[in-house]
Amino acid sequence: MTKDDCKKLVIEIISDIAPDEDLTNLKHDVRLRDQLQLDSMDFLDIVMELRKRHAIEVPESDYMQLASLDSSAEYLTPKFTAMGK
């Protein structure tokens, strides 16, 4: 899975948990919480969806790695690669 694929995957999850958010002009290097109306529960939902949909475990100590789309892609790409995806 490429970094762009990981970014799309995160955007897809966000669109499911926050369907009213406009995701068309997201800046990839800016924290998601600074661009969207996401609270801590929404963020936990993203982590839970990664686990449920893709069997990706994100320990609490790594949550900040998912702050932006770029950092999410940097964090998730090796995890998907290790899974053979």
PDB file of N, CA and C in Angstrom:
ATOM      1  N   MET A   1       0.857  -1.174   0.000  1.00  0.00           N
ATOM      2  CA  MET A   1       0.000   0.000   0.000  1.00  0.00           C
ATOM      3  C   MET A   1       0.903   1.237   0.000  1.00  0.00           C
ATOM      4  N   THR A   2       0.582   2.182  -0.857  1.00  0.00           N
ATOM      5  CA  THR A   2       1.382   3.400  -0.962  1.00  0.00           C
ATOM      6  C   THR A   2       0.946   4.424   0.093  1.00  0.00           C
ATOM      7  N   LYS A   3       1.744   5.457   0.235  1.00  0.00           N
ATOM      8  CA  LYS A   3       1.381   6.532   1.171  1.00  0.00           C
ATOM      9  C   LYS A   3       0.082   7.201   0.739  1.00  0.00           C
ATOM     10  N   ASP A   4      -0.091   7.380  -0.571  1.00  0.00           N
ATOM     11  CA  ASP A   4      -1.350   7.971  -1.057  1.00  0.00           C
ATOM     12  C   ASP A   4      -2.539   7.081  -0.730  1.00  0.00           C
ATOM     13  N   ASP A   5      -2.357   5.766  -0.850  1.00  0.00           N
ATOM     14  CA  ASP A   5      -3.430   4.833  -0.484  1.00  0.00           C
ATOM     15  C   ASP A   5      -3.787   4.971   0.995  1.00  0.00           C
ATOM     16  N   CYS A   6      -2.770   5.129   1.833  1.00  0.00           N
ATOM     17  CA  CYS A   6      -3.014   5.281   3.272  1.00  0.00           C
ATOM     18  C   CYS A   6      -3.771   6.570   3.555  1.00  0.00           C
ATOM     19  N   LYS A   7      -3.417   7.642   2.863  1.00  0.00           N
ATOM     20  CA  LYS A   7      -4.125   8.910   3.047  1.00  0.00           C
ATOM     21  C   LYS A   7      -5.589   8.757   2.646  1.00  0.00           C
ATOM     22  N   LYS A   8      -5.846   8.087   1.524  1.00  0.00           N
ATOM     23  CA  LYS A   8      -7.219   7.865   1.075  1.00  0.00           C
ATOM     24  C   LYS A   8      -7.995   7.037   2.083  1.00  0.00           C
ATOM     25  N   LEU A   9      -7.338   6.050   2.648  1.00  0.00           N
ATOM     26  CA  LEU A   9      -7.967   5.191   3.644  1.00  0.00           C
ATOM     27  C   LEU A   9      -8.376   6.000   4.869  1.00  0.00           C
ATOM     28  N   VAL A  10      -7.508   6.885   5.345  1.00  0.00           N
ATOM     29  CA  VAL A  10      -7.827   7.720   6.504  1.00  0.00           C
ATOM     30  C   VAL A  10      -8.971   8.676   6.164  1.00  0.00           C
ATOM     31  N   ILE A  11      -8.937   9.257   4.986  1.00  0.00           N
ATOM     32  CA  ILE A  11     -10.022  10.154   4.566  1.00  0.00           C
ATOM     33  C   ILE A  11     -11.345   9.392   4.496  1.00  0.00           C
ATOM     34  N   GLU A  12     -11.307   8.168   4.005  1.00  0.00           N
ATOM     35  CA  GLU A  12     -12.519   7.344   3.939  1.00  0.00           C
ATOM     36  C   GLU A  12     -13.085   7.089   5.332  1.00  0.00           C
ATOM     37  N   ILE A  13     -12.225   6.787   6.273  1.00  0.00           N
ATOM     38  CA  ILE A  13     -12.678   6.551   7.652  1.00  0.00           C
ATOM     39  C   ILE A  13     -13.274   7.827   8.227  1.00  0.00           C
ATOM     40  N   ILE A  14     -12.609   8.953   8.006  1.00  0.00           N
ATOM     41  CA  ILE A  14     -13.131  10.222   8.528  1.00  0.00           C
ATOM     42  C   ILE A  14     -14.486  10.532   7.912  1.00  0.00           C
ATOM     43  N   SER A  15     -14.645  10.270   6.622  1.00  0.00           N
ATOM     44  CA  SER A  15     -15.936  10.556   5.980  1.00  0.00           C
ATOM     45  C   SER A  15     -17.042   9.698   6.564  1.00  0.00           C
ATOM     46  N   ASP A  16     -16.710   8.500   7.036  1.00  0.00           N
ATOM     47  CA  ASP A  16     -17.711   7.636   7.655  1.00  0.00           C
ATOM     48  C   ASP A  16     -18.068   8.086   9.068  1.00  0.00           C
ATOM     49  N   ILE A  17     -17.074   8.562   9.834  1.00  0.00           N
ATOM     50  CA  ILE A  17     -17.370   8.932  11.226  1.00  0.00           C
ATOM     51  C   ILE A  17     -17.801  10.391  11.376  1.00  0.00           C
ATOM     52  N   ALA A  18     -17.475  11.218  10.377  1.00  0.00           N
ATOM     53  CA  ALA A  18     -17.875  12.626  10.407  1.00  0.00           C
ATOM     54  C   ALA A  18     -18.396  13.023   9.029  1.00  0.00           C
ATOM     55  N   PRO A  19     -19.569  12.491   8.656  1.00  0.00           N
ATOM     56  CA  PRO A  19     -20.066  12.667   7.285  1.00  0.00           C
ATOM     57  C   PRO A  19     -20.370  14.117   6.895  1.00  0.00           C
ATOM     58  N   ASP A  20     -20.523  15.002   7.859  1.00  0.00           N
ATOM     59  CA  ASP A  20     -20.826  16.398   7.545  1.00  0.00           C
ATOM     60  C   ASP A  20     -19.587  17.236   7.244  1.00  0.00           C
ATOM     61  N   GLU A  21     -18.415  16.671   7.460  1.00  0.00           N
ATOM     62  CA  GLU A  21     -17.177  17.413   7.233  1.00  0.00           C
ATOM     63  C   GLU A  21     -16.850  17.482   5.738  1.00  0.00           C
ATOM     64  N   ASP A  22     -16.351  18.638   5.305  1.00  0.00           N
ATOM     65  CA  ASP A  22     -15.895  18.812   3.932  1.00  0.00           C
ATOM     66  C   ASP A  22     -14.431  18.385   3.859  1.00  0.00           C
ATOM     67  N   LEU A  23     -14.173  17.292   3.181  1.00  0.00           N
ATOM     68  CA  LEU A  23     -12.827  16.721   3.123  1.00  0.00           C
ATOM     69  C   LEU A  23     -12.123  17.005   1.804  1.00  0.00           C
ATOM     70  N   THR A  24     -12.688  17.873   0.983  1.00  0.00           N
ATOM     71  CA  THR A  24     -12.144  18.086  -0.358  1.00  0.00           C
ATOM     72  C   THR A  24     -10.855  18.890  -0.371  1.00  0.00           C
ATOM     73  N   ASN A  25     -10.653  19.779   0.572  1.00  0.00           N
ATOM     74  CA  ASN A  25      -9.478  20.640   0.535  1.00  0.00           C
ATOM     75  C   ASN A  25      -8.560  20.442   1.733  1.00  0.00           C
ATOM     76  N   LEU A  26      -8.443  19.223   2.200  1.00  0.00           N
ATOM     77  CA  LEU A  26      -7.578  18.962   3.346  1.00  0.00           C
ATOM     78  C   LEU A  26      -6.122  19.212   2.991  1.00  0.00           C
ATOM     79  N   LYS A  27      -5.432  19.891   3.884  1.00  0.00           N
ATOM     80  CA  LYS A  27      -3.988  20.062   3.743  1.00  0.00           C
ATOM     81  C   LYS A  27      -3.332  18.846   4.388  1.00  0.00           C
ATOM     82  N   HIS A  28      -2.483  18.197   3.658  1.00  0.00           N
ATOM     83  CA  HIS A  28      -1.921  16.932   4.118  1.00  0.00           C
ATOM     84  C   HIS A  28      -0.901  17.088   5.241  1.00  0.00           C
ATOM     85  N   ASP A  29      -0.338  18.283   5.395  1.00  0.00           N
ATOM     86  CA  ASP A  29       0.693  18.488   6.406  1.00  0.00           C
ATOM     87  C   ASP A  29       0.196  19.245   7.639  1.00  0.00           C
ATOM     88  N   VAL A  30      -1.110  19.506   7.711  1.00  0.00           N
ATOM     89  CA  VAL A  30      -1.704  20.231   8.838  1.00  0.00           C
ATOM     90  C   VAL A  30      -2.519  19.247   9.671  1.00  0.00           C
ATOM     91  N   ARG A  31      -2.436  19.412  10.993  1.00  0.00           N
ATOM     92  CA  ARG A  31      -3.178  18.511  11.881  1.00  0.00           C
ATOM     93  C   ARG A  31      -4.650  18.449  11.498  1.00  0.00           C
ATOM     94  N   LEU A  32      -5.189  17.257  11.469  1.00  0.00           N
ATOM     95  CA  LEU A  32      -6.593  17.065  11.118  1.00  0.00           C
ATOM     96  C   LEU A  32      -7.515  17.814  12.078  1.00  0.00           C
ATOM     97  N   ARG A  33      -7.184  17.800  13.354  1.00  0.00           N
ATOM     98  CA  ARG A  33      -8.038  18.462  14.345  1.00  0.00           C
ATOM     99  C   ARG A  33      -8.032  19.972  14.173  1.00  0.00           C
ATOM    100  N   ASP A  34      -7.007  20.519  13.507  1.00  0.00           N
ATOM    101  CA  ASP A  34      -6.974  21.956  13.233  1.00  0.00           C
ATOM    102  C   ASP A  34      -7.805  22.311  11.997  1.00  0.00           C
ATOM    103  N   GLN A  35      -8.101  21.322  11.179  1.00  0.00           N
ATOM    104  CA  GLN A  35      -8.849  21.558   9.941  1.00  0.00           C
ATOM    105  C   GLN A  35     -10.309  21.138  10.029  1.00  0.00           C
ATOM    106  N   LEU A  36     -10.594  20.210  10.891  1.00  0.00           N
ATOM    107  CA  LEU A  36     -11.929  19.611  10.980  1.00  0.00           C
ATOM    108  C   LEU A  36     -12.470  19.731  12.391  1.00  0.00           C
ATOM    109  N   GLN A  37     -13.754  19.552  12.514  1.00  0.00           N
ATOM    110  CA  GLN A  37     -14.398  19.571  13.822  1.00  0.00           C
ATOM    111  C   GLN A  37     -14.373  18.170  14.434  1.00  0.00           C
ATOM    112  N   LEU A  38     -13.171  17.670  14.681  1.00  0.00           N
ATOM    113  CA  LEU A  38     -13.019  16.343  15.275  1.00  0.00           C
ATOM    114  C   LEU A  38     -12.701  16.492  16.755  1.00  0.00           C
ATOM    115  N   ASP A  39     -13.413  15.747  17.577  1.00  0.00           N
ATOM    116  CA  ASP A  39     -13.080  15.744  18.997  1.00  0.00           C
ATOM    117  C   ASP A  39     -12.311  14.471  19.336  1.00  0.00           C
ATOM    118  N   SER A  40     -11.984  14.307  20.584  1.00  0.00           N
ATOM    119  CA  SER A  40     -11.171  13.156  20.981  1.00  0.00           C
ATOM    120  C   SER A  40     -11.890  11.833  20.718  1.00  0.00           C
ATOM    121  N   MET A  41     -13.200  11.824  20.821  1.00  0.00           N
ATOM    122  CA  MET A  41     -13.949  10.589  20.539  1.00  0.00           C
ATOM    123  C   MET A  41     -13.895  10.245  19.049  1.00  0.00           C
ATOM    124  N   ASP A  42     -13.966  11.261  18.188  1.00  0.00           N
ATOM    125  CA  ASP A  42     -13.833  11.021  16.750  1.00  0.00           C
ATOM    126  C   ASP A  42     -12.461  10.437  16.446  1.00  0.00           C
ATOM    127  N   PHE A  43     -11.446  10.979  17.094  1.00  0.00           N
ATOM    128  CA  PHE A  43     -10.097  10.488  16.867  1.00  0.00           C
ATOM    129  C   PHE A  43      -9.982   9.025  17.306  1.00  0.00           C
ATOM    130  N   LEU A  44     -10.568   8.695  18.435  1.00  0.00           N
ATOM    131  CA  LEU A  44     -10.567   7.295  18.884  1.00  0.00           C
ATOM    132  C   LEU A  44     -11.326   6.405  17.910  1.00  0.00           C
ATOM    133  N   ASP A  45     -12.382   6.948  17.314  1.00  0.00           N
ATOM    134  CA  ASP A  45     -13.118   6.191  16.299  1.00  0.00           C
ATOM    135  C   ASP A  45     -12.228   5.873  15.098  1.00  0.00           C
ATOM    136  N   ILE A  46     -11.373   6.806  14.719  1.00  0.00           N
ATOM    137  CA  ILE A  46     -10.437   6.551  13.616  1.00  0.00           C
ATOM    138  C   ILE A  46      -9.526   5.385  13.982  1.00  0.00           C
ATOM    139  N   VAL A  47      -8.992   5.411  15.184  1.00  0.00           N
ATOM    140  CA  VAL A  47      -8.110   4.332  15.645  1.00  0.00           C
ATOM    141  C   VAL A  47      -8.858   3.005  15.661  1.00  0.00           C
ATOM    142  N   MET A  48     -10.088   3.012  16.161  1.00  0.00           N
ATOM    143  CA  MET A  48     -10.882   1.782  16.229  1.00  0.00           C
ATOM    144  C   MET A  48     -11.221   1.251  14.835  1.00  0.00           C
ATOM    145  N   GLU A  49     -11.519   2.142  13.904  1.00  0.00           N
ATOM    146  CA  GLU A  49     -11.819   1.718  12.539  1.00  0.00           C
ATOM    147  C   GLU A  49     -10.580   1.127  11.861  1.00  0.00           C
ATOM    148  N   LEU A  50      -9.414   1.675  12.133  1.00  0.00           N
ATOM    149  CA  LEU A  50      -8.182   1.083  11.591  1.00  0.00           C
ATOM    150  C   LEU A  50      -8.028  -0.349  12.082  1.00  0.00           C
ATOM    151  N   ARG A  51      -8.348  -0.562  13.351  1.00  0.00           N
ATOM    152  CA  ARG A  51      -8.257  -1.913  13.916  1.00  0.00           C
ATOM    153  C   ARG A  51      -9.318  -2.830  13.301  1.00  0.00           C
ATOM    154  N   LYS A  52     -10.555  -2.343  13.248  1.00  0.00           N
ATOM    155  CA  LYS A  52     -11.670  -3.176  12.781  1.00  0.00           C
ATOM    156  C   LYS A  52     -11.553  -3.497  11.288  1.00  0.00           C
ATOM    157  N   ARG A  53     -11.278  -2.492  10.473  1.00  0.00           N
ATOM    158  CA  ARG A  53     -11.259  -2.687   9.023  1.00  0.00           C
ATOM    159  C   ARG A  53      -9.965  -3.304   8.505  1.00  0.00           C
ATOM    160  N   HIS A  54      -8.844  -2.988   9.169  1.00  0.00           N
ATOM    161  CA  HIS A  54      -7.552  -3.357   8.584  1.00  0.00           C
ATOM    162  C   HIS A  54      -6.619  -4.090   9.539  1.00  0.00           C
ATOM    163  N   ALA A  55      -7.090  -4.408  10.738  1.00  0.00           N
ATOM    164  CA  ALA A  55      -6.285  -5.117  11.738  1.00  0.00           C
ATOM    165  C   ALA A  55      -4.994  -4.379  12.081  1.00  0.00           C
ATOM    166  N   ILE A  56      -5.068  -3.047  12.051  1.00  0.00           N
ATOM    167  CA  ILE A  56      -3.928  -2.208  12.413  1.00  0.00           C
ATOM    168  C   ILE A  56      -4.108  -1.752  13.855  1.00  0.00           C
ATOM    169  N   GLU A  57      -3.168  -2.120  14.695  1.00  0.00           N
ATOM    170  CA  GLU A  57      -3.187  -1.704  16.089  1.00  0.00           C
ATOM    171  C   GLU A  57      -2.363  -0.430  16.238  1.00  0.00           C
ATOM    172  N   VAL A  58      -2.947   0.580  16.854  1.00  0.00           N
ATOM    173  CA  VAL A  58      -2.242   1.828  17.112  1.00  0.00           C
ATOM    174  C   VAL A  58      -2.223   2.026  18.626  1.00  0.00           C
ATOM    175  N   PRO A  59      -1.069   1.811  19.251  1.00  0.00           N
ATOM    176  CA  PRO A  59      -1.011   2.021  20.696  1.00  0.00           C
ATOM    177  C   PRO A  59      -1.203   3.496  21.041  1.00  0.00           C
ATOM    178  N   GLU A  60      -1.716   3.743  22.220  1.00  0.00           N
ATOM    179  CA  GLU A  60      -1.999   5.116  22.629  1.00  0.00           C
ATOM    180  C   GLU A  60      -0.759   6.008  22.521  1.00  0.00           C
ATOM    181  N   SER A  61       0.403   5.451  22.780  1.00  0.00           N
ATOM    182  CA  SER A  61       1.637   6.240  22.693  1.00  0.00           C
ATOM    183  C   SER A  61       1.931   6.716  21.269  1.00  0.00           C
ATOM    184  N   ASP A  62       1.291   6.099  20.267  1.00  0.00           N
ATOM    185  CA  ASP A  62       1.507   6.459  18.862  1.00  0.00           C
ATOM    186  C   ASP A  62       0.386   7.317  18.271  1.00  0.00           C
ATOM    187  N   TYR A  63      -0.602   7.676  19.053  1.00  0.00           N
ATOM    188  CA  TYR A  63      -1.742   8.424  18.519  1.00  0.00           C
ATOM    189  C   TYR A  63      -1.324   9.696  17.785  1.00  0.00           C
ATOM    190  N   MET A  64      -0.305  10.382  18.267  1.00  0.00           N
ATOM    191  CA  MET A  64       0.128  11.631  17.623  1.00  0.00           C
ATOM    192  C   MET A  64       0.668  11.380  16.222  1.00  0.00           C
ATOM    193  N   GLN A  65       1.041  10.144  15.911  1.00  0.00           N
ATOM    194  CA  GLN A  65       1.512   9.809  14.567  1.00  0.00           C
ATOM    195  C   GLN A  65       0.385   9.930  13.543  1.00  0.00           C
ATOM    196  N   LEU A  66      -0.851   9.981  14.016  1.00  0.00           N
ATOM    197  CA  LEU A  66      -2.015  10.082  13.132  1.00  0.00           C
ATOM    198  C   LEU A  66      -2.574  11.502  13.079  1.00  0.00           C
ATOM    199  N   ALA A  67      -1.800  12.480  13.513  1.00  0.00           N
ATOM    200  CA  ALA A  67      -2.285  13.855  13.616  1.00  0.00           C
ATOM    201  C   ALA A  67      -2.637  14.468  12.266  1.00  0.00           C
ATOM    202  N   SER A  68      -1.824  14.222  11.245  1.00  0.00           N
ATOM    203  CA  SER A  68      -2.086  14.779   9.906  1.00  0.00           C
ATOM    204  C   SER A  68      -2.141  13.632   8.900  1.00  0.00           C
ATOM    205  N   LEU A  69      -2.562  13.949   7.697  1.00  0.00           N
ATOM    206  CA  LEU A  69      -2.590  12.908   6.664  1.00  0.00           C
ATOM    207  C   LEU A  69      -1.171  12.444   6.335  1.00  0.00           C
ATOM    208  N   ASP A  70      -0.225  13.386   6.249  1.00  0.00           N
ATOM    209  CA  ASP A  70       1.157  13.000   5.951  1.00  0.00           C
ATOM    210  C   ASP A  70       1.742  12.107   7.037  1.00  0.00           C
ATOM    211  N   SER A  71       1.554  12.500   8.296  1.00  0.00           N
ATOM    212  CA  SER A  71       2.108  11.679   9.379  1.00  0.00           C
ATOM    213  C   SER A  71       1.388  10.335   9.477  1.00  0.00           C
ATOM    214  N   SER A  72       0.104  10.310   9.171  1.00  0.00           N
ATOM    215  CA  SER A  72      -0.638   9.047   9.151  1.00  0.00           C
ATOM    216  C   SER A  72      -0.060   8.102   8.098  1.00  0.00           C
ATOM    217  N   ALA A  73       0.208   8.650   6.918  1.00  0.00           N
ATOM    218  CA  ALA A  73       0.762   7.832   5.837  1.00  0.00           C
ATOM    219  C   ALA A  73       2.147   7.312   6.207  1.00  0.00           C
ATOM    220  N   GLU A  74       2.965   8.163   6.815  1.00  0.00           N
ATOM    221  CA  GLU A  74       4.306   7.740   7.249  1.00  0.00           C
ATOM    222  C   GLU A  74       4.217   6.602   8.268  1.00  0.00           C
ATOM    223  N   TYR A  75       3.250   6.695   9.147  1.00  0.00           N
ATOM    224  CA  TYR A  75       3.084   5.701  10.204  1.00  0.00           C
ATOM    225  C   TYR A  75       2.451   4.411   9.680  1.00  0.00           C
ATOM    226  N   LEU A  76       1.420   4.533   8.839  1.00  0.00           N
ATOM    227  CA  LEU A  76       0.652   3.360   8.427  1.00  0.00           C
ATOM    228  C   LEU A  76       1.284   2.564   7.298  1.00  0.00           C
ATOM    229  N   THR A  77       1.982   3.220   6.386  1.00  0.00           N
ATOM    230  CA  THR A  77       2.539   2.517   5.222  1.00  0.00           C
ATOM    231  C   THR A  77       3.407   1.323   5.622  1.00  0.00           C
ATOM    232  N   PRO A  78       4.368   1.484   6.547  1.00  0.00           N
ATOM    233  CA  PRO A  78       5.163   0.301   6.936  1.00  0.00           C
ATOM    234  C   PRO A  78       4.343  -0.788   7.606  1.00  0.00           C
ATOM    235  N   LYS A  79       3.285  -0.399   8.317  1.00  0.00           N
ATOM    236  CA  LYS A  79       2.431  -1.406   8.959  1.00  0.00           C
ATOM    237  C   LYS A  79       1.698  -2.242   7.915  1.00  0.00           C
ATOM    238  N   PHE A  80       1.173  -1.582   6.882  1.00  0.00           N
ATOM    239  CA  PHE A  80       0.522  -2.330   5.799  1.00  0.00           C
ATOM    240  C   PHE A  80       1.541  -3.177   5.032  1.00  0.00           C
ATOM    241  N   THR A  81       2.723  -2.643   4.804  1.00  0.00           N
ATOM    242  CA  THR A  81       3.764  -3.391   4.105  1.00  0.00           C
ATOM    243  C   THR A  81       4.118  -4.659   4.884  1.00  0.00           C
ATOM    244  N   ALA A  82       4.239  -4.530   6.197  1.00  0.00           N
ATOM    245  CA  ALA A  82       4.566  -5.692   7.028  1.00  0.00           C
ATOM    246  C   ALA A  82       3.464  -6.748   6.975  1.00  0.00           C
ATOM    247  N   MET A  83       2.238  -6.314   6.689  1.00  0.00           N
ATOM    248  CA  MET A  83       1.117  -7.246   6.587  1.00  0.00           C
ATOM    249  C   MET A  83       0.992  -7.818   5.177  1.00  0.00           C
ATOM    250  N   GLY A  84       1.830  -7.348   4.265  1.00  0.00           N
ATOM    251  CA  GLY A  84       1.776  -7.833   2.889  1.00  0.00           C
ATOM    252  C   GLY A  84       0.710  -7.157   2.056  1.00  0.00           C
ATOM    253  N   LYS A  85       0.298  -5.968   2.463  1.00  0.00           N
ATOM    254  CA  LYS A  85      -0.729  -5.232   1.715  1.00  0.00           C
ATOM    255  C   LYS A  85      -0.105  -4.097   0.956  1.00  0.00           C
TER     256      LYS A  85
END
